[in-house]
């Protein structure tokens, strides 16, 4: 089963989200947030709105996945 988050006509799988952020399946939510912050800021400074939006979508996807895993997974 593949977890997919849909935003308008854009869809991203959990696997794609993990590849974009460079995090393994067993990554803690805090690790995901760290990677997100680094990549989001890096692309904000270097001006790639496309990559910045991909990073944001990846975080949104994983946020949904971690929220569905239960308490202590994703807390913002």
PDB file of N, CA and C in Angstrom:
ATOM      1  N   UNK A   1       0.836  -1.200   0.000  1.00  0.00           N
ATOM      2  CA  UNK A   1       0.000   0.000   0.000  1.00  0.00           C
ATOM      3  C   UNK A   1       0.867   1.244   0.000  1.00  0.00           C
ATOM      4  N   UNK A   2       0.545   2.176  -0.852  1.00  0.00           N
ATOM      5  CA  UNK A   2       1.335   3.399  -0.951  1.00  0.00           C
ATOM      6  C   UNK A   2       0.546   4.566  -0.382  1.00  0.00           C
ATOM      7  N   UNK A   3       1.169   5.299   0.536  1.00  0.00           N
ATOM      8  CA  UNK A   3       0.522   6.485   1.084  1.00  0.00           C
ATOM      9  C   UNK A   3       0.725   7.647   0.128  1.00  0.00           C
ATOM     10  N   UNK A   4      -0.361   8.275  -0.278  1.00  0.00           N
ATOM     11  CA  UNK A   4      -0.283   9.393  -1.207  1.00  0.00           C
ATOM     12  C   UNK A   4      -1.070  10.560  -0.651  1.00  0.00           C
ATOM     13  N   UNK A   5      -0.471  11.734  -0.704  1.00  0.00           N
ATOM     14  CA  UNK A   5      -1.150  12.954  -0.292  1.00  0.00           C
ATOM     15  C   UNK A   5      -1.447  13.749  -1.545  1.00  0.00           C
ATOM     16  N   UNK A   6      -2.684  14.176  -1.688  1.00  0.00           N
ATOM     17  CA  UNK A   6      -3.062  14.939  -2.877  1.00  0.00           C
ATOM     18  C   UNK A   6      -3.308  16.396  -2.511  1.00  0.00           C
ATOM     19  N   UNK A   7      -2.706  17.267  -3.247  1.00  0.00           N
ATOM     20  CA  UNK A   7      -2.932  18.705  -3.110  1.00  0.00           C
ATOM     21  C   UNK A   7      -3.225  19.207  -4.515  1.00  0.00           C
ATOM     22  N   UNK A   8      -4.459  19.635  -4.755  1.00  0.00           N
ATOM     23  CA  UNK A   8      -4.899  20.021  -6.093  1.00  0.00           C
ATOM     24  C   UNK A   8      -4.647  18.830  -7.018  1.00  0.00           C
ATOM     25  N   UNK A   9      -3.840  18.994  -8.063  1.00  0.00           N
ATOM     26  CA  UNK A   9      -3.575  17.868  -8.962  1.00  0.00           C
ATOM     27  C   UNK A   9      -2.191  17.277  -8.715  1.00  0.00           C
ATOM     28  N   UNK A  10      -1.513  17.750  -7.681  1.00  0.00           N
ATOM     29  CA  UNK A  10      -0.166  17.261  -7.371  1.00  0.00           C
ATOM     30  C   UNK A  10      -0.264  16.118  -6.365  1.00  0.00           C
ATOM     31  N   UNK A  11       0.409  15.026  -6.644  1.00  0.00           N
ATOM     32  CA  UNK A  11       0.424  13.901  -5.717  1.00  0.00           C
ATOM     33  C   UNK A  11       1.865  13.488  -5.475  1.00  0.00           C
ATOM     34  N   UNK A  12       2.142  13.121  -4.252  1.00  0.00           N
ATOM     35  CA  UNK A  12       3.490  12.691  -3.905  1.00  0.00           C
ATOM     36  C   UNK A  12       3.371  11.468  -3.002  1.00  0.00           C
ATOM     37  N   UNK A  13       4.169  10.462  -3.259  1.00  0.00           N
ATOM     38  CA  UNK A  13       4.119   9.260  -2.427  1.00  0.00           C
ATOM     39  C   UNK A  13       5.042   9.438  -1.235  1.00  0.00           C
ATOM     40  N   UNK A  14       4.846   8.584  -0.236  1.00  0.00           N
ATOM     41  CA  UNK A  14       5.705   8.626   0.942  1.00  0.00           C
ATOM     42  C   UNK A  14       7.161   8.384   0.546  1.00  0.00           C
ATOM     43  N   UNK A  15       7.384   7.446  -0.365  1.00  0.00           N
ATOM     44  CA  UNK A  15       8.744   7.137  -0.811  1.00  0.00           C
ATOM     45  C   UNK A  15       9.397   8.354  -1.473  1.00  0.00           C
ATOM     46  N   UNK A  16       8.648   9.037  -2.336  1.00  0.00           N
ATOM     47  CA  UNK A  16       9.178  10.242  -2.985  1.00  0.00           C
ATOM     48  C   UNK A  16       9.501  11.318  -1.954  1.00  0.00           C
ATOM     49  N   UNK A  17       8.607  11.463  -0.988  1.00  0.00           N
ATOM     50  CA  UNK A  17       8.814  12.470   0.064  1.00  0.00           C
ATOM     51  C   UNK A  17      10.099  12.180   0.834  1.00  0.00           C
ATOM     52  N   UNK A  18      10.320  10.911   1.150  1.00  0.00           N
ATOM     53  CA  UNK A  18      11.536  10.524   1.881  1.00  0.00           C
ATOM     54  C   UNK A  18      12.787  10.765   1.033  1.00  0.00           C
ATOM     55  N   UNK A  19      12.693  10.527  -0.278  1.00  0.00           N
ATOM     56  CA  UNK A  19      13.833  10.769  -1.160  1.00  0.00           C
ATOM     57  C   UNK A  19      14.144  12.261  -1.257  1.00  0.00           C
ATOM     58  N   UNK A  20      13.105  13.074  -1.360  1.00  0.00           N
ATOM     59  CA  UNK A  20      13.297  14.522  -1.458  1.00  0.00           C
ATOM     60  C   UNK A  20      13.986  15.059  -0.210  1.00  0.00           C
ATOM     61  N   UNK A  21      13.542  14.598   0.958  1.00  0.00           N
ATOM     62  CA  UNK A  21      14.106  15.088   2.213  1.00  0.00           C
ATOM     63  C   UNK A  21      15.353  14.310   2.639  1.00  0.00           C
ATOM     64  N   UNK A  22      15.590  13.185   2.011  1.00  0.00           N
ATOM     65  CA  UNK A  22      16.768  12.384   2.345  1.00  0.00           C
ATOM     66  C   UNK A  22      16.687  11.737   3.718  1.00  0.00           C
ATOM     67  N   UNK A  23      15.517  11.201   4.048  1.00  0.00           N
ATOM     68  CA  UNK A  23      15.333  10.550   5.346  1.00  0.00           C
ATOM     69  C   UNK A  23      14.889   9.097   5.163  1.00  0.00           C
ATOM     70  N   UNK A  24      15.380   8.211   6.020  1.00  0.00           N
ATOM     71  CA  UNK A  24      14.983   6.798   5.935  1.00  0.00           C
ATOM     72  C   UNK A  24      13.594   6.570   6.527  1.00  0.00           C
ATOM     73  N   UNK A  25      13.058   5.368   6.329  1.00  0.00           N
ATOM     74  CA  UNK A  25      11.725   5.034   6.834  1.00  0.00           C
ATOM     75  C   UNK A  25      11.637   5.104   8.350  1.00  0.00           C
ATOM     76  N   UNK A  26      12.745   4.829   9.032  1.00  0.00           N
ATOM     77  CA  UNK A  26      12.721   4.819  10.497  1.00  0.00           C
ATOM     78  C   UNK A  26      13.119   6.164  11.106  1.00  0.00           C
ATOM     79  N   UNK A  27      13.131   7.211  10.297  1.00  0.00           N
ATOM     80  CA  UNK A  27      13.523   8.539  10.782  1.00  0.00           C
ATOM     81  C   UNK A  27      12.512   9.064  11.796  1.00  0.00           C
ATOM     82  N   UNK A  28      13.026   9.687  12.844  1.00  0.00           N
ATOM     83  CA  UNK A  28      12.165  10.332  13.828  1.00  0.00           C
ATOM     84  C   UNK A  28      11.590  11.605  13.209  1.00  0.00           C
ATOM     85  N   UNK A  29      10.428  12.030  13.699  1.00  0.00           N
ATOM     86  CA  UNK A  29       9.790  13.232  13.164  1.00  0.00           C
ATOM     87  C   UNK A  29      10.714  14.445  13.298  1.00  0.00           C
ATOM     88  N   UNK A  30      11.464  14.512  14.404  1.00  0.00           N
ATOM     89  CA  UNK A  30      12.393  15.626  14.633  1.00  0.00           C
ATOM     90  C   UNK A  30      13.467  15.681  13.542  1.00  0.00           C
ATOM     91  N   UNK A  31      13.937  14.519  13.105  1.00  0.00           N
ATOM     92  CA  UNK A  31      14.935  14.454  12.036  1.00  0.00           C
ATOM     93  C   UNK A  31      14.349  14.979  10.725  1.00  0.00           C
ATOM     94  N   UNK A  32      13.108  14.621  10.466  1.00  0.00           N
ATOM     95  CA  UNK A  32      12.429  15.089   9.257  1.00  0.00           C
ATOM     96  C   UNK A  32      12.302  16.611   9.286  1.00  0.00           C
ATOM     97  N   UNK A  33      11.919  17.145  10.437  1.00  0.00           N
ATOM     98  CA  UNK A  33      11.788  18.600  10.563  1.00  0.00           C
ATOM     99  C   UNK A  33      13.124  19.308  10.369  1.00  0.00           C
ATOM    100  N   UNK A  34      14.198  18.724  10.892  1.00  0.00           N
ATOM    101  CA  UNK A  34      15.535  19.314  10.715  1.00  0.00           C
ATOM    102  C   UNK A  34      15.909  19.376   9.244  1.00  0.00           C
ATOM    103  N   UNK A  35      15.735  18.244   8.542  1.00  0.00           N
ATOM    104  CA  UNK A  35      16.042  18.185   7.110  1.00  0.00           C
ATOM    105  C   UNK A  35      15.189  19.189   6.340  1.00  0.00           C
ATOM    106  N   UNK A  36      13.910  19.245   6.698  1.00  0.00           N
ATOM    107  CA  UNK A  36      12.998  20.177   6.039  1.00  0.00           C
ATOM    108  C   UNK A  36      13.488  21.616   6.205  1.00  0.00           C
ATOM    109  N   UNK A  37      13.800  21.992   7.444  1.00  0.00           N
ATOM    110  CA  UNK A  37      14.250  23.362   7.710  1.00  0.00           C
ATOM    111  C   UNK A  37      15.497  23.711   6.904  1.00  0.00           C
ATOM    112  N   UNK A  38      16.464  22.792   6.888  1.00  0.00           N
ATOM    113  CA  UNK A  38      17.718  23.024   6.166  1.00  0.00           C
ATOM    114  C   UNK A  38      17.448  23.207   4.669  1.00  0.00           C
ATOM    115  N   UNK A  39      16.708  22.260   4.083  1.00  0.00           N
ATOM    116  CA  UNK A  39      16.455  22.310   2.641  1.00  0.00           C
ATOM    117  C   UNK A  39      15.564  23.484   2.249  1.00  0.00           C
ATOM    118  N   UNK A  40      14.572  23.787   3.078  1.00  0.00           N
ATOM    119  CA  UNK A  40      13.666  24.896   2.774  1.00  0.00           C
ATOM    120  C   UNK A  40      14.432  26.219   2.791  1.00  0.00           C
ATOM    121  N   UNK A  41      15.246  26.426   3.822  1.00  0.00           N
ATOM    122  CA  UNK A  41      16.035  27.659   3.929  1.00  0.00           C
ATOM    123  C   UNK A  41      17.065  27.771   2.809  1.00  0.00           C
ATOM    124  N   UNK A  42      17.730  26.667   2.510  1.00  0.00           N
ATOM    125  CA  UNK A  42      18.741  26.661   1.447  1.00  0.00           C
ATOM    126  C   UNK A  42      18.121  27.101   0.118  1.00  0.00           C
ATOM    127  N   UNK A  43      16.942  26.582  -0.178  1.00  0.00           N
ATOM    128  CA  UNK A  43      16.288  26.933  -1.440  1.00  0.00           C
ATOM    129  C   UNK A  43      15.657  28.319  -1.398  1.00  0.00           C
ATOM    130  N   UNK A  44      15.337  28.804  -0.223  1.00  0.00           N
ATOM    131  CA  UNK A  44      14.828  30.175  -0.097  1.00  0.00           C
ATOM    132  C   UNK A  44      15.948  31.159  -0.427  1.00  0.00           C
ATOM    133  N   UNK A  45      17.151  30.861   0.058  1.00  0.00           N
ATOM    134  CA  UNK A  45      18.300  31.748  -0.162  1.00  0.00           C
ATOM    135  C   UNK A  45      18.785  31.697  -1.604  1.00  0.00           C
ATOM    136  N   UNK A  46      18.775  30.518  -2.194  1.00  0.00           N
ATOM    137  CA  UNK A  46      19.308  30.362  -3.545  1.00  0.00           C
ATOM    138  C   UNK A  46      18.237  30.526  -4.620  1.00  0.00           C
ATOM    139  N   UNK A  47      17.016  30.809  -4.195  1.00  0.00           N
ATOM    140  CA  UNK A  47      15.982  31.203  -5.141  1.00  0.00           C
ATOM    141  C   UNK A  47      15.312  30.136  -5.970  1.00  0.00           C
ATOM    142  N   UNK A  48      15.309  28.871  -5.528  1.00  0.00           N
ATOM    143  CA  UNK A  48      14.600  27.851  -6.295  1.00  0.00           C
ATOM    144  C   UNK A  48      13.237  27.597  -5.657  1.00  0.00           C
ATOM    145  N   UNK A  49      12.238  28.321  -6.143  1.00  0.00           N
ATOM    146  CA  UNK A  49      10.878  28.161  -5.627  1.00  0.00           C
ATOM    147  C   UNK A  49      10.355  26.755  -5.920  1.00  0.00           C
ATOM    148  N   UNK A  50      10.721  26.199  -7.081  1.00  0.00           N
ATOM    149  CA  UNK A  50      10.283  24.845  -7.444  1.00  0.00           C
ATOM    150  C   UNK A  50      10.764  23.819  -6.414  1.00  0.00           C
ATOM    151  N   UNK A  51      12.070  23.856  -6.098  1.00  0.00           N
ATOM    152  CA  UNK A  51      12.607  22.906  -5.127  1.00  0.00           C
ATOM    153  C   UNK A  51      12.046  23.160  -3.735  1.00  0.00           C
ATOM    154  N   UNK A  52      11.876  24.420  -3.407  1.00  0.00           N
ATOM    155  CA  UNK A  52      11.319  24.779  -2.111  1.00  0.00           C
ATOM    156  C   UNK A  52       9.899  24.199  -1.968  1.00  0.00           C
ATOM    157  N   UNK A  53       9.118  24.275  -3.038  1.00  0.00           N
ATOM    158  CA  UNK A  53       7.762  23.741  -2.978  1.00  0.00           C
ATOM    159  C   UNK A  53       7.767  22.215  -2.898  1.00  0.00           C
ATOM    160  N   UNK A  54       8.727  21.571  -3.561  1.00  0.00           N
ATOM    161  CA  UNK A  54       8.847  20.107  -3.474  1.00  0.00           C
ATOM    162  C   UNK A  54       9.173  19.696  -2.039  1.00  0.00           C
ATOM    163  N   UNK A  55      10.080  20.424  -1.415  1.00  0.00           N
ATOM    164  CA  UNK A  55      10.465  20.144  -0.024  1.00  0.00           C
ATOM    165  C   UNK A  55       9.239  20.309   0.881  1.00  0.00           C
ATOM    166  N   UNK A  56       8.475  21.357   0.646  1.00  0.00           N
ATOM    167  CA  UNK A  56       7.291  21.609   1.465  1.00  0.00           C
ATOM    168  C   UNK A  56       6.257  20.491   1.281  1.00  0.00           C
ATOM    169  N   UNK A  57       6.032  20.079   0.039  1.00  0.00           N
ATOM    170  CA  UNK A  57       5.082  18.989  -0.225  1.00  0.00           C
ATOM    171  C   UNK A  57       5.544  17.683   0.417  1.00  0.00           C
ATOM    172  N   UNK A  58       6.841  17.443   0.396  1.00  0.00           N
ATOM    173  CA  UNK A  58       7.380  16.229   1.016  1.00  0.00           C
ATOM    174  C   UNK A  58       7.093  16.236   2.515  1.00  0.00           C
ATOM    175  N   UNK A  59       7.306  17.388   3.148  1.00  0.00           N
ATOM    176  CA  UNK A  59       7.031  17.495   4.584  1.00  0.00           C
ATOM    177  C   UNK A  59       5.545  17.286   4.865  1.00  0.00           C
ATOM    178  N   UNK A  60       4.676  17.877   4.042  1.00  0.00           N
ATOM    179  CA  UNK A  60       3.230  17.707   4.224  1.00  0.00           C
ATOM    180  C   UNK A  60       2.838  16.234   4.134  1.00  0.00           C
ATOM    181  N   UNK A  61       3.394  15.552   3.158  1.00  0.00           N
ATOM    182  CA  UNK A  61       3.099  14.134   2.960  1.00  0.00           C
ATOM    183  C   UNK A  61       3.505  13.326   4.197  1.00  0.00           C
ATOM    184  N   UNK A  62       4.738  13.527   4.651  1.00  0.00           N
ATOM    185  CA  UNK A  62       5.237  12.763   5.794  1.00  0.00           C
ATOM    186  C   UNK A  62       4.516  13.147   7.080  1.00  0.00           C
ATOM    187  N   UNK A  63       4.093  14.393   7.176  1.00  0.00           N
ATOM    188  CA  UNK A  63       3.337  14.835   8.346  1.00  0.00           C
ATOM    189  C   UNK A  63       2.053  14.019   8.460  1.00  0.00           C
ATOM    190  N   UNK A  64       1.373  13.831   7.339  1.00  0.00           N
ATOM    191  CA  UNK A  64       0.150  13.035   7.310  1.00  0.00           C
ATOM    192  C   UNK A  64       0.445  11.585   7.687  1.00  0.00           C
ATOM    193  N   UNK A  65       1.517  11.035   7.147  1.00  0.00           N
ATOM    194  CA  UNK A  65       1.910   9.656   7.446  1.00  0.00           C
ATOM    195  C   UNK A  65       2.182   9.494   8.940  1.00  0.00           C
ATOM    196  N   UNK A  66       2.952  10.420   9.512  1.00  0.00           N
ATOM    197  CA  UNK A  66       3.327  10.318  10.920  1.00  0.00           C
ATOM    198  C   UNK A  66       2.138  10.564  11.846  1.00  0.00           C
ATOM    199  N   UNK A  67       1.211  11.434  11.454  1.00  0.00           N
ATOM    200  CA  UNK A  67       0.018  11.659  12.267  1.00  0.00           C
ATOM    201  C   UNK A  67      -0.830  10.405  12.311  1.00  0.00           C
ATOM    202  N   UNK A  68      -0.862   9.680  11.191  1.00  0.00           N
ATOM    203  CA  UNK A  68      -1.648   8.451  11.127  1.00  0.00           C
ATOM    204  C   UNK A  68      -1.026   7.313  11.925  1.00  0.00           C
ATOM    205  N   UNK A  69       0.257   7.430  12.258  1.00  0.00           N
ATOM    206  CA  UNK A  69       0.933   6.379  13.019  1.00  0.00           C
ATOM    207  C   UNK A  69       0.579   6.430  14.494  1.00  0.00           C
ATOM    208  N   UNK A  70       0.004   7.538  14.949  1.00  0.00           N
ATOM    209  CA  UNK A  70      -0.435   7.590  16.332  1.00  0.00           C
ATOM    210  C   UNK A  70       0.308   8.607  17.171  1.00  0.00           C
ATOM    211  N   UNK A  71       0.076   8.576  18.473  1.00  0.00           N
ATOM    212  CA  UNK A  71       0.648   9.568  19.401  1.00  0.00           C
ATOM    213  C   UNK A  71       2.157   9.578  19.392  1.00  0.00           C
ATOM    214  N   UNK A  72       2.711  10.766  19.511  1.00  0.00           N
ATOM    215  CA  UNK A  72       4.170  10.900  19.596  1.00  0.00           C
ATOM    216  C   UNK A  72       4.878  10.878  18.267  1.00  0.00           C
ATOM    217  N   UNK A  73       4.147  10.771  17.170  1.00  0.00           N
ATOM    218  CA  UNK A  73       4.792  10.699  15.861  1.00  0.00           C
ATOM    219  C   UNK A  73       5.033  12.075  15.279  1.00  0.00           C
ATOM    220  N   UNK A  74       3.978  12.772  14.917  1.00  0.00           N
ATOM    221  CA  UNK A  74       4.126  14.128  14.353  1.00  0.00           C
ATOM    222  C   UNK A  74       3.410  15.099  15.272  1.00  0.00           C
ATOM    223  N   UNK A  75       4.177  16.053  15.770  1.00  0.00           N
ATOM    224  CA  UNK A  75       3.560  17.025  16.668  1.00  0.00           C
ATOM    225  C   UNK A  75       3.826  18.442  16.208  1.00  0.00           C
ATOM    226  N   UNK A  76       3.890  18.637  14.892  1.00  0.00           N
ATOM    227  CA  UNK A  76       3.998  19.980  14.372  1.00  0.00           C
ATOM    228  C   UNK A  76       5.358  20.285  14.003  1.00  0.00           C
TER     229      UNK A  76
END
